[in-house]
Amino acid sequence: MNTHKIETVLTEDGTLTLPGLPFHAGGTVEVIILQAKTPQPQDAVNSQSEKNRYPLRGTVIRYDDPTEPVALEDWEFLQ
């Protein structure tokens, strides 16, 4: 199934014109009309991307003995 996406604006009288379709004249096509999503203002997009950039920001972090050595038994020279 060949698909083609095009965005266009309805005229005042509600007419929809689809110029330059890549299908053969006389061929059967199926038309599905979807309302386009309204574009978000740039500030909202930037704010949303900032929130997603640091997903752990604001979460609770607790360190138990942060200066305690870790995995001492794994070091060869200590044995």
C-alpha atoms as a PDB file:
ATOM      1  CA  MET A   1       0.000   0.000   0.000  1.00  0.00           C
ATOM      2  CA  ASN A   2       1.487   3.331  -1.063  1.00  0.00           C
ATOM      3  CA  THR A   3       0.949   6.205   1.343  1.00  0.00           C
ATOM      4  CA  HIS A   4       1.439   9.915   0.904  1.00  0.00           C
ATOM      5  CA  LYS A   5       1.218  12.566   3.604  1.00  0.00           C
ATOM      6  CA  ILE A   6       0.396  16.167   2.819  1.00  0.00           C
ATOM      7  CA  GLU A   7      -0.578  19.070   5.039  1.00  0.00           C
ATOM      8  CA  THR A   8      -2.873  21.708   3.611  1.00  0.00           C
ATOM      9  CA  VAL A   9      -5.338  24.355   4.788  1.00  0.00           C
ATOM     10  CA  LEU A  10      -9.069  24.325   4.120  1.00  0.00           C
ATOM     11  CA  THR A  11     -10.445  27.243   2.157  1.00  0.00           C
ATOM     12  CA  GLU A  12     -13.164  29.548   3.522  1.00  0.00           C
ATOM     13  CA  ASP A  13     -15.896  27.421   1.921  1.00  0.00           C
ATOM     14  CA  GLY A  14     -14.469  24.164   3.337  1.00  0.00           C
ATOM     15  CA  THR A  15     -12.901  22.974   0.091  1.00  0.00           C
ATOM     16  CA  LEU A  16      -9.807  20.827   0.298  1.00  0.00           C
ATOM     17  CA  THR A  17      -7.340  20.775  -2.600  1.00  0.00           C
ATOM     18  CA  LEU A  18      -4.601  18.152  -2.795  1.00  0.00           C
ATOM     19  CA  PRO A  19      -2.181  19.151  -5.562  1.00  0.00           C
ATOM     20  CA  GLY A  20       0.621  16.954  -6.890  1.00  0.00           C
ATOM     21  CA  LEU A  21      -0.500  13.574  -5.582  1.00  0.00           C
ATOM     22  CA  PRO A  22       1.830  10.747  -6.678  1.00  0.00           C
ATOM     23  CA  PHE A  23      -0.977   8.438  -7.870  1.00  0.00           C
ATOM     24  CA  HIS A  24      -2.217   7.603 -11.361  1.00  0.00           C
ATOM     25  CA  ALA A  25      -5.281   9.339 -12.771  1.00  0.00           C
ATOM     26  CA  GLY A  26      -8.346   7.115 -12.532  1.00  0.00           C
ATOM     27  CA  GLY A  27      -6.865   5.043  -9.690  1.00  0.00           C
ATOM     28  CA  THR A  28      -8.814   4.383  -6.514  1.00  0.00           C
ATOM     29  CA  VAL A  29      -7.528   6.025  -3.324  1.00  0.00           C
ATOM     30  CA  GLU A  30      -8.653   6.044   0.293  1.00  0.00           C
ATOM     31  CA  VAL A  31      -8.757   9.425   2.015  1.00  0.00           C
ATOM     32  CA  ILE A  32      -8.501   9.788   5.790  1.00  0.00           C
ATOM     33  CA  ILE A  33      -8.707  13.313   7.226  1.00  0.00           C
ATOM     34  CA  LEU A  34      -6.970  14.050  10.534  1.00  0.00           C
ATOM     35  CA  GLN A  35      -6.829  17.395  12.268  1.00  0.00           C
ATOM     36  CA  ALA A  36      -3.216  18.523  12.587  1.00  0.00           C
ATOM     37  CA  LYS A  37      -1.794  18.977  16.057  1.00  0.00           C
ATOM     38  CA  THR A  38      -1.270  22.611  16.934  1.00  0.00           C
ATOM     39  CA  PRO A  39       2.426  23.423  17.155  1.00  0.00           C
ATOM     40  CA  GLN A  40       3.655  24.182  20.661  1.00  0.00           C
ATOM     41  CA  PRO A  41       5.304  27.531  21.351  1.00  0.00           C
ATOM     42  CA  GLN A  42       9.103  27.287  21.342  1.00  0.00           C
ATOM     43  CA  ASP A  43       9.298  28.097  25.072  1.00  0.00           C
ATOM     44  CA  ALA A  44       7.085  25.124  25.915  1.00  0.00           C
ATOM     45  CA  VAL A  45       9.200  22.830  23.738  1.00  0.00           C
ATOM     46  CA  ASN A  46      12.420  24.028  25.393  1.00  0.00           C
ATOM     47  CA  SER A  47      10.929  23.648  28.862  1.00  0.00           C
ATOM     48  CA  GLN A  48       9.757  20.136  28.053  1.00  0.00           C
ATOM     49  CA  SER A  49      13.157  19.105  26.692  1.00  0.00           C
ATOM     50  CA  GLU A  50      14.863  20.479  29.829  1.00  0.00           C
ATOM     51  CA  LYS A  51      12.631  18.273  31.984  1.00  0.00           C
ATOM     52  CA  ASN A  52      13.507  15.192  29.934  1.00  0.00           C
ATOM     53  CA  ARG A  53      17.228  15.968  29.826  1.00  0.00           C
ATOM     54  CA  TYR A  54      17.694  15.313  33.559  1.00  0.00           C
ATOM     55  CA  PRO A  55      15.121  12.654  34.512  1.00  0.00           C
ATOM     56  CA  LEU A  56      16.572  12.122  38.013  1.00  0.00           C
ATOM     57  CA  ARG A  57      16.569  15.823  38.931  1.00  0.00           C
ATOM     58  CA  GLY A  58      14.695  16.341  42.181  1.00  0.00           C
ATOM     59  CA  THR A  59      14.758  12.670  43.234  1.00  0.00           C
ATOM     60  CA  VAL A  60      15.981  11.714  46.692  1.00  0.00           C
ATOM     61  CA  ILE A  61      19.570  10.462  46.820  1.00  0.00           C
ATOM     62  CA  ARG A  62      21.148   9.057  49.962  1.00  0.00           C
ATOM     63  CA  TYR A  63      24.760   8.001  50.371  1.00  0.00           C
ATOM     64  CA  ASP A  64      25.599   5.553  53.162  1.00  0.00           C
ATOM     65  CA  ASP A  65      29.267   6.009  54.119  1.00  0.00           C
ATOM     66  CA  PRO A  66      30.320   7.749  50.903  1.00  0.00           C
ATOM     67  CA  THR A  67      34.032   7.601  51.841  1.00  0.00           C
ATOM     68  CA  GLU A  68      33.981   3.901  52.796  1.00  0.00           C
ATOM     69  CA  PRO A  69      36.183   1.712  50.531  1.00  0.00           C
ATOM     70  CA  VAL A  70      34.273  -0.528  48.150  1.00  0.00           C
ATOM     71  CA  ALA A  71      35.108  -4.138  47.212  1.00  0.00           C
ATOM     72  CA  LEU A  72      38.396  -4.375  49.075  1.00  0.00           C
ATOM     73  CA  GLU A  73      38.438  -8.147  48.559  1.00  0.00           C
ATOM     74  CA  ASP A  74      38.657  -7.619  44.778  1.00  0.00           C
ATOM     75  CA  TRP A  75      42.022  -5.832  44.910  1.00  0.00           C
ATOM     76  CA  GLU A  76      44.853  -8.328  44.263  1.00  0.00           C
ATOM     77  CA  PHE A  77      47.617  -6.354  45.987  1.00  0.00           C
ATOM     78  CA  LEU A  78      45.736  -6.366  49.314  1.00  0.00           C
ATOM     79  CA  GLN A  79      45.793 -10.163  49.495  1.00  0.00           C
END
